[in-house]
Amino acid sequence: MTPGGTPDPAAAGLRPGDRRILEQYLSHLRIERGLSANTLAAYERDLRRYLRDLSRQEVDPAAVDPRHLGAWLQALRTGADGGSALSAASAARSLAAVRGLHSFLDAERVSTTGDPSRLVPAPALPRRLPHPLTIDQVEALIEAAGRPGTGRDATARALRDRALLEVLYGLGARISEATGLDIDDVEVGERAAVLRGKGDRHRIVPVGRFALEALEAYLTRGRPILAPRGSGTPAVFLGSRGTRLTRQAAWQVVQRAAEAAELTALPEPISPHTLRHSYATHLLHGGADVRSVQELLGHASVTTTQLYTQVTVDSLRETHAGAHPRARRGA
């Protein structure tokens, strides 16, 4: 890693010219776009593989045409480029990184072929609908998280875990937004919180009664026990050493709660994102409009939010099929 937190392309084994292009593009993403270190590392991995393939074919990145990209995308799916074969979703992710690179080269007037990636379609992805929990399952999960276990600081950790799950479900927060929450981001009097999302974008969301009560209980009775072990971090959620709770630790909190609530035999394992899915689906079931849910979730496009409307429509269709006399089978 470079001192600025950007993955170091110098260790990538690329041609000097390709290395400079990659370094410039990653710097652009870090400085201009404000992408996180984890996202930058993912971009670097995908682009390093792409640039290696171009090098093998002795193709200059500034002279790529759609045929090169199409062949490379096919090679990703089969592993013919020397790497492991990728699924359609992983190949589409790699193509998104490459599209960003070619758009950058075009904007910087480096490319001699414009932006060839615009003419290359992404691999078709199977539609994957979210699997939300029922309200009863959410309540069981949160209740399980709030039950003190054994060992040191059991009560403080239980208060923290319950508050974390209330934030994930009650605010529709991403796991990174929940663990990135600072004390000053929570406005108790206004019943609102600031969530900092992708690309350093932020949004203000309402905090419901249950989430507010859980946060207040944790901040007054749980966090003061954990905080003295750290060095004064402003983070809301703390680990056992008084430092900001990591994403991995937050995942473990959710999974422990799922085991305690006996919710491990569902179609998909419960994750922090399951609670965000459930938040969106329950809002739409309750009558919220798609645009409002889009804003609450922080989606850049309403198309992403509309995935949840399909879940709602499917549920209504099942209800209709089972209840309406002229919709029943054999009627």
Protein backbone atom coordinates (compact mmCIF):
# COMPACT_ATOMS: atom_id res chain seq x y z
CA MET A 1 0.00 0.00 0.00
CA THR A 2 1.11 3.54 -0.66
CA PRO A 3 1.24 6.07 2.21
CA GLY A 4 -2.06 7.54 0.95
CA GLY A 5 -3.83 4.23 1.41
CA THR A 6 -3.88 3.33 -2.30
CA PRO A 7 -2.82 -0.17 -3.40
CA ASP A 8 0.73 -0.02 -4.74
CA PRO A 9 0.74 -0.83 -8.47
CA ALA A 10 4.55 -1.01 -8.49
CA ALA A 11 4.32 -4.51 -7.09
CA ALA A 12 1.92 -5.66 -9.78
CA GLY A 13 4.49 -6.92 -12.31
CA LEU A 14 3.17 -4.71 -15.12
CA ARG A 15 4.90 -2.97 -18.00
CA PRO A 16 6.18 0.47 -16.91
CA GLY A 17 3.66 2.32 -19.08
CA ASP A 18 0.75 0.21 -17.82
CA ARG A 19 1.94 0.70 -14.26
CA ARG A 20 1.86 4.48 -14.69
CA ILE A 21 -1.64 4.36 -16.16
CA LEU A 22 -2.91 2.20 -13.30
CA GLU A 23 -1.25 4.39 -10.69
CA GLN A 24 -2.77 7.55 -12.19
CA TYR A 25 -6.23 6.01 -12.38
CA LEU A 26 -6.17 4.70 -8.81
CA SER A 27 -5.03 8.12 -7.60
CA HIS A 28 -7.94 9.66 -9.49
CA LEU A 29 -10.37 7.25 -7.80
CA ARG A 30 -8.92 7.93 -4.37
CA ILE A 31 -8.67 11.72 -4.62
CA GLU A 32 -11.49 12.71 -6.99
CA ARG A 33 -13.99 9.96 -6.26
CA GLY A 34 -13.15 9.35 -2.60
CA LEU A 35 -13.27 5.55 -2.88
CA SER A 36 -12.33 3.48 0.14
CA ALA A 37 -9.13 1.48 0.46
CA ASN A 38 -11.08 -1.80 0.15
CA THR A 39 -12.75 -0.66 -3.08
CA LEU A 40 -9.45 0.56 -4.49
CA ALA A 41 -7.86 -2.81 -3.73
CA ALA A 42 -10.66 -4.58 -5.61
CA TYR A 43 -10.23 -2.25 -8.59
CA GLU A 44 -6.48 -2.87 -8.56
CA ARG A 45 -6.91 -6.66 -8.62
CA ASP A 46 -9.31 -6.54 -11.56
CA LEU A 47 -7.29 -4.02 -13.54
CA ARG A 48 -3.98 -5.75 -12.88
CA ARG A 49 -5.40 -8.94 -14.39
CA TYR A 50 -6.74 -7.00 -17.38
CA LEU A 51 -3.48 -5.16 -18.03
CA ARG A 52 -1.49 -8.38 -17.76
CA ASP A 53 -3.70 -9.89 -20.45
CA LEU A 54 -3.13 -6.87 -22.70
CA SER A 55 0.61 -7.17 -22.09
CA ARG A 56 0.55 -10.84 -23.07
CA GLN A 57 -1.03 -9.82 -26.37
CA GLU A 58 1.29 -6.81 -26.71
CA VAL A 59 -1.69 -4.44 -26.83
CA ASP A 60 -1.41 -0.85 -25.60
CA PRO A 61 -4.27 0.07 -23.18
CA ALA A 62 -4.65 3.34 -25.11
CA ALA A 63 -5.26 1.45 -28.35
CA VAL A 64 -7.78 -1.18 -27.21
CA ASP A 65 -10.80 -1.75 -29.42
CA PRO A 66 -14.11 -3.53 -28.59
CA ARG A 67 -12.83 -6.80 -30.06
CA HIS A 68 -10.00 -6.94 -27.52
CA LEU A 69 -12.45 -6.31 -24.70
CA GLY A 70 -14.94 -8.89 -25.93
CA ALA A 71 -12.21 -11.54 -26.17
CA TRP A 72 -10.88 -10.62 -22.73
CA LEU A 73 -14.36 -10.87 -21.20
CA GLN A 74 -14.82 -14.33 -22.67
CA ALA A 75 -11.39 -15.35 -21.37
CA LEU A 76 -12.41 -14.25 -17.87
CA ARG A 77 -15.37 -16.64 -17.92
CA THR A 78 -13.21 -19.60 -18.97
CA GLY A 79 -9.89 -18.74 -17.31
CA ALA A 80 -8.16 -18.68 -20.71
CA ASP A 81 -6.27 -15.55 -19.66
CA GLY A 82 -4.35 -17.58 -17.09
CA GLY A 83 -6.48 -16.68 -14.08
CA SER A 84 -9.33 -18.54 -12.42
CA ALA A 85 -12.64 -18.72 -14.32
CA LEU A 86 -15.09 -16.09 -13.08
CA SER A 87 -18.85 -16.17 -12.66
CA ALA A 88 -21.01 -13.77 -14.64
CA ALA A 89 -21.30 -11.50 -11.58
CA SER A 90 -17.53 -11.41 -10.99
CA ALA A 91 -16.84 -10.83 -14.70
CA ALA A 92 -19.36 -7.98 -14.70
CA ARG A 93 -17.57 -6.46 -11.71
CA SER A 94 -14.25 -6.69 -13.56
CA LEU A 95 -15.79 -5.11 -16.64
CA ALA A 96 -17.08 -2.21 -14.51
CA ALA A 97 -13.51 -1.55 -13.33
CA VAL A 98 -12.19 -1.70 -16.90
CA ARG A 99 -14.95 0.60 -18.15
CA GLY A 100 -13.91 3.13 -15.55
CA LEU A 101 -10.29 2.92 -16.70
CA HIS A 102 -11.15 3.43 -20.37
CA SER A 103 -13.51 6.28 -19.57
CA PHE A 104 -10.63 7.89 -17.65
CA LEU A 105 -8.17 7.39 -20.53
CA ASP A 106 -10.70 8.88 -22.95
CA ALA A 107 -11.35 11.90 -20.70
CA GLU A 108 -7.61 12.45 -20.31
CA ARG A 109 -7.19 12.27 -24.13
CA VAL A 110 -4.80 9.36 -23.78
CA SER A 111 -6.86 6.84 -25.71
CA THR A 112 -6.58 6.68 -29.49
CA THR A 113 -9.80 4.65 -29.78
CA GLY A 114 -12.12 6.70 -27.56
CA ASP A 115 -13.91 4.57 -24.97
CA PRO A 116 -14.19 1.08 -26.50
CA SER A 117 -15.86 -0.35 -23.38
CA ARG A 118 -19.13 1.45 -24.20
CA LEU A 119 -19.69 -1.01 -27.04
CA VAL A 120 -19.14 -4.14 -24.93
CA PRO A 121 -22.23 -5.45 -23.09
CA ALA A 122 -21.87 -6.84 -19.58
CA PRO A 123 -22.50 -10.57 -19.02
CA ALA A 124 -26.16 -11.37 -18.41
CA LEU A 125 -26.74 -11.89 -14.69
CA PRO A 126 -29.38 -14.16 -13.22
CA ARG A 127 -31.96 -12.12 -11.33
CA ARG A 128 -31.44 -12.60 -7.62
CA LEU A 129 -34.23 -11.30 -5.48
CA PRO A 130 -33.47 -10.43 -1.86
CA HIS A 131 -34.63 -12.83 0.83
CA PRO A 132 -36.04 -10.60 3.58
CA LEU A 133 -36.89 -11.80 7.04
CA THR A 134 -40.42 -11.65 8.40
CA ILE A 135 -41.12 -9.09 11.12
CA ASP A 136 -41.30 -11.90 13.69
CA GLN A 137 -37.89 -13.18 12.58
CA VAL A 138 -36.37 -9.71 12.84
CA GLU A 139 -37.76 -9.32 16.35
CA ALA A 140 -36.41 -12.75 17.35
CA LEU A 141 -32.98 -11.85 15.95
CA ILE A 142 -32.80 -8.54 17.83
CA GLU A 143 -34.07 -10.13 21.02
CA ALA A 144 -31.38 -12.82 20.78
CA ALA A 145 -28.66 -10.22 20.22
CA GLY A 146 -29.71 -8.40 23.38
CA ARG A 147 -29.45 -11.40 25.68
CA PRO A 148 -26.26 -11.17 27.77
CA GLY A 149 -23.91 -14.09 27.39
CA THR A 150 -21.09 -15.04 29.71
CA GLY A 151 -17.69 -13.60 30.33
CA ARG A 152 -16.26 -10.15 30.76
CA ASP A 153 -18.49 -7.20 29.87
CA ALA A 154 -21.35 -9.47 28.78
CA THR A 155 -23.99 -6.84 29.51
CA ALA A 156 -22.13 -4.07 27.70
CA ARG A 157 -21.67 -6.27 24.64
CA ALA A 158 -25.33 -7.31 24.67
CA LEU A 159 -26.42 -3.65 24.75
CA ARG A 160 -24.04 -2.93 21.87
CA ASP A 161 -25.19 -5.89 19.81
CA ARG A 162 -28.85 -5.05 20.19
CA ALA A 163 -28.20 -1.41 19.25
CA LEU A 164 -26.18 -2.52 16.21
CA LEU A 165 -29.00 -4.72 14.90
CA GLU A 166 -31.56 -1.99 15.58
CA VAL A 167 -29.43 0.39 13.47
CA LEU A 168 -29.04 -2.13 10.64
CA TYR A 169 -32.77 -2.82 10.51
CA GLY A 170 -34.27 0.39 11.88
CA LEU A 171 -32.17 2.72 9.69
CA GLY A 172 -31.56 0.43 6.71
CA ALA A 173 -27.84 1.00 7.17
CA ARG A 174 -25.12 -0.81 5.29
CA ILE A 175 -22.63 -2.58 7.56
CA SER A 176 -19.94 -0.01 6.70
CA GLU A 177 -22.37 2.81 7.53
CA ALA A 178 -23.23 1.28 10.90
CA THR A 179 -19.62 0.66 11.93
CA GLY A 180 -18.65 4.10 10.57
CA LEU A 181 -21.26 5.85 12.72
CA ASP A 182 -19.81 8.46 15.11
CA ILE A 183 -21.47 9.81 18.23
CA ASP A 184 -21.94 13.24 16.64
CA ASP A 185 -23.78 11.58 13.75
CA VAL A 186 -26.70 10.69 16.04
CA GLU A 187 -29.11 13.54 16.79
CA VAL A 188 -31.20 12.17 19.67
CA GLY A 189 -33.38 15.28 19.93
CA GLU A 190 -34.11 15.28 16.20
CA ARG A 191 -34.55 11.49 16.10
CA ALA A 192 -32.21 11.39 13.10
CA ALA A 193 -28.77 10.13 12.15
CA VAL A 194 -26.22 10.84 9.44
CA LEU A 195 -25.10 7.76 7.50
CA ARG A 196 -21.96 8.03 5.41
CA GLY A 197 -22.28 5.82 2.36
CA LYS A 198 -20.31 4.95 -0.76
CA GLY A 199 -18.01 7.57 -2.25
CA ASP A 200 -18.25 9.64 0.97
CA ARG A 201 -21.88 10.47 0.16
CA HIS A 202 -24.02 10.96 3.23
CA ARG A 203 -27.72 11.05 3.96
CA ILE A 204 -29.88 11.91 6.94
CA VAL A 205 -32.31 9.19 8.00
CA PRO A 206 -34.98 9.08 10.70
CA VAL A 207 -34.33 6.96 13.79
CA GLY A 208 -37.37 5.10 15.09
CA ARG A 209 -38.30 4.61 18.71
CA PHE A 210 -36.87 1.11 19.13
CA ALA A 211 -33.53 2.01 17.54
CA LEU A 212 -33.35 5.22 19.57
CA GLU A 213 -34.04 3.41 22.85
CA ALA A 214 -31.44 0.74 22.06
CA LEU A 215 -28.84 3.37 21.14
CA GLU A 216 -29.49 5.41 24.28
CA ALA A 217 -29.24 2.29 26.47
CA TYR A 218 -25.94 1.30 24.87
CA LEU A 219 -24.45 4.81 24.88
CA THR A 220 -25.27 5.37 28.55
CA ARG A 221 -24.69 1.90 30.02
CA GLY A 222 -22.62 -0.11 27.55
CA ARG A 223 -20.21 2.11 25.68
CA PRO A 224 -18.74 3.77 28.82
CA ILE A 225 -17.49 0.33 29.89
CA LEU A 226 -15.74 -0.36 26.57
CA ALA A 227 -14.46 3.14 25.76
CA PRO A 228 -11.71 3.53 28.43
CA ARG A 229 -9.68 0.72 26.83
CA GLY A 230 -9.27 2.69 23.60
CA SER A 231 -7.74 6.04 22.72
CA GLY A 232 -10.82 8.20 22.51
CA THR A 233 -12.37 7.17 19.20
CA PRO A 234 -15.66 8.95 18.35
CA ALA A 235 -17.14 5.69 17.02
CA VAL A 236 -20.55 4.66 18.33
CA PHE A 237 -19.88 0.93 18.17
CA LEU A 238 -16.76 -0.28 19.97
CA GLY A 239 -14.99 -3.59 20.21
CA SER A 240 -13.61 -5.19 23.35
CA ARG A 241 -10.43 -3.08 23.10
CA GLY A 242 -12.30 0.21 22.96
CA THR A 243 -11.58 0.74 19.26
CA ARG A 244 -14.09 1.08 16.42
CA LEU A 245 -15.95 -2.16 15.79
CA THR A 246 -14.72 -3.73 12.55
CA ARG A 247 -17.00 -4.91 9.77
CA GLN A 248 -15.87 -8.47 10.37
CA ALA A 249 -16.76 -8.25 14.07
CA ALA A 250 -20.16 -6.77 13.19
CA TRP A 251 -20.79 -9.72 10.85
CA GLN A 252 -20.02 -12.06 13.72
CA VAL A 253 -22.52 -10.23 15.95
CA VAL A 254 -25.28 -10.86 13.40
CA GLN A 255 -24.33 -14.50 12.90
CA ARG A 256 -24.20 -15.19 16.64
CA ALA A 257 -27.65 -13.64 17.00
CA ALA A 258 -28.96 -15.81 14.15
CA GLU A 259 -27.66 -18.94 15.88
CA ALA A 260 -29.12 -17.88 19.23
CA ALA A 261 -32.49 -17.16 17.58
CA GLU A 262 -32.35 -20.52 15.74
CA LEU A 263 -32.57 -18.82 12.34
CA THR A 264 -29.80 -20.73 10.61
CA ALA A 265 -32.00 -22.99 8.45
CA LEU A 266 -33.29 -20.25 6.13
CA PRO A 267 -32.86 -20.25 2.29
CA GLU A 268 -29.85 -17.92 2.67
CA PRO A 269 -27.59 -17.26 5.68
CA ILE A 270 -28.51 -14.14 7.62
CA SER A 271 -26.04 -11.29 7.11
CA PRO A 272 -26.06 -7.58 7.97
CA HIS A 273 -27.40 -6.93 4.47
CA THR A 274 -30.35 -9.23 5.19
CA LEU A 275 -31.56 -6.64 7.69
CA ARG A 276 -31.23 -3.88 5.09
CA HIS A 277 -33.22 -6.02 2.62
CA SER A 278 -35.86 -6.55 5.28
CA TYR A 279 -36.01 -2.81 6.08
CA ALA A 280 -36.71 -1.96 2.43
CA THR A 281 -39.25 -4.73 1.90
CA HIS A 282 -41.17 -3.95 5.09
CA LEU A 283 -41.32 -0.25 4.18
CA LEU A 284 -42.84 -1.08 0.80
CA HIS A 285 -45.27 -3.55 2.37
CA GLY A 286 -46.28 -0.77 4.74
CA GLY A 287 -47.16 1.57 1.87
CA ALA A 288 -43.97 3.62 1.39
CA ASP A 289 -43.37 4.80 -2.18
CA VAL A 290 -40.33 3.65 -4.14
CA ARG A 291 -38.73 7.10 -4.38
CA SER A 292 -38.83 7.57 -0.60
CA VAL A 293 -37.31 4.14 -0.04
CA GLN A 294 -34.61 4.95 -2.62
CA GLU A 295 -33.67 8.06 -0.65
CA LEU A 296 -33.71 6.24 2.68
CA LEU A 297 -31.46 3.48 1.31
CA GLY A 298 -29.11 5.91 -0.40
CA HIS A 299 -29.44 4.20 -3.79
CA ALA A 300 -28.03 6.24 -6.66
CA SER A 301 -30.61 4.77 -9.04
CA VAL A 302 -34.26 3.90 -8.45
CA THR A 303 -33.70 0.78 -10.57
CA THR A 304 -31.84 -0.80 -7.64
CA THR A 305 -34.70 0.00 -5.27
CA GLN A 306 -37.29 -1.41 -7.67
CA LEU A 307 -35.86 -4.87 -7.04
CA TYR A 308 -37.71 -4.76 -3.73
CA THR A 309 -40.99 -3.89 -5.40
CA GLN A 310 -40.75 -7.22 -7.22
CA VAL A 311 -40.52 -9.00 -3.88
CA THR A 312 -43.65 -7.17 -2.75
CA VAL A 313 -45.52 -7.93 -5.99
CA ASP A 314 -44.60 -11.60 -5.75
CA SER A 315 -45.93 -11.70 -2.20
CA LEU A 316 -49.18 -10.01 -3.25
CA ARG A 317 -49.51 -12.43 -6.16
CA GLU A 318 -49.25 -15.40 -3.78
CA THR A 319 -51.87 -13.85 -1.48
CA HIS A 320 -54.18 -13.19 -4.41
CA ALA A 321 -53.74 -16.71 -5.80
CA GLY A 322 -54.63 -18.25 -2.47
CA ALA A 323 -57.51 -15.98 -1.54
CA HIS A 324 -59.41 -14.86 -4.63
CA PRO A 325 -62.11 -17.33 -5.77
CA ARG A 326 -61.25 -16.87 -9.46
CA ALA A 327 -57.50 -17.04 -8.91
CA ARG A 328 -57.43 -20.40 -7.17
CA ARG A 329 -56.22 -23.40 -9.12
CA GLY A 330 -59.08 -25.38 -10.60
CA ALA A 331 -61.58 -22.55 -10.11
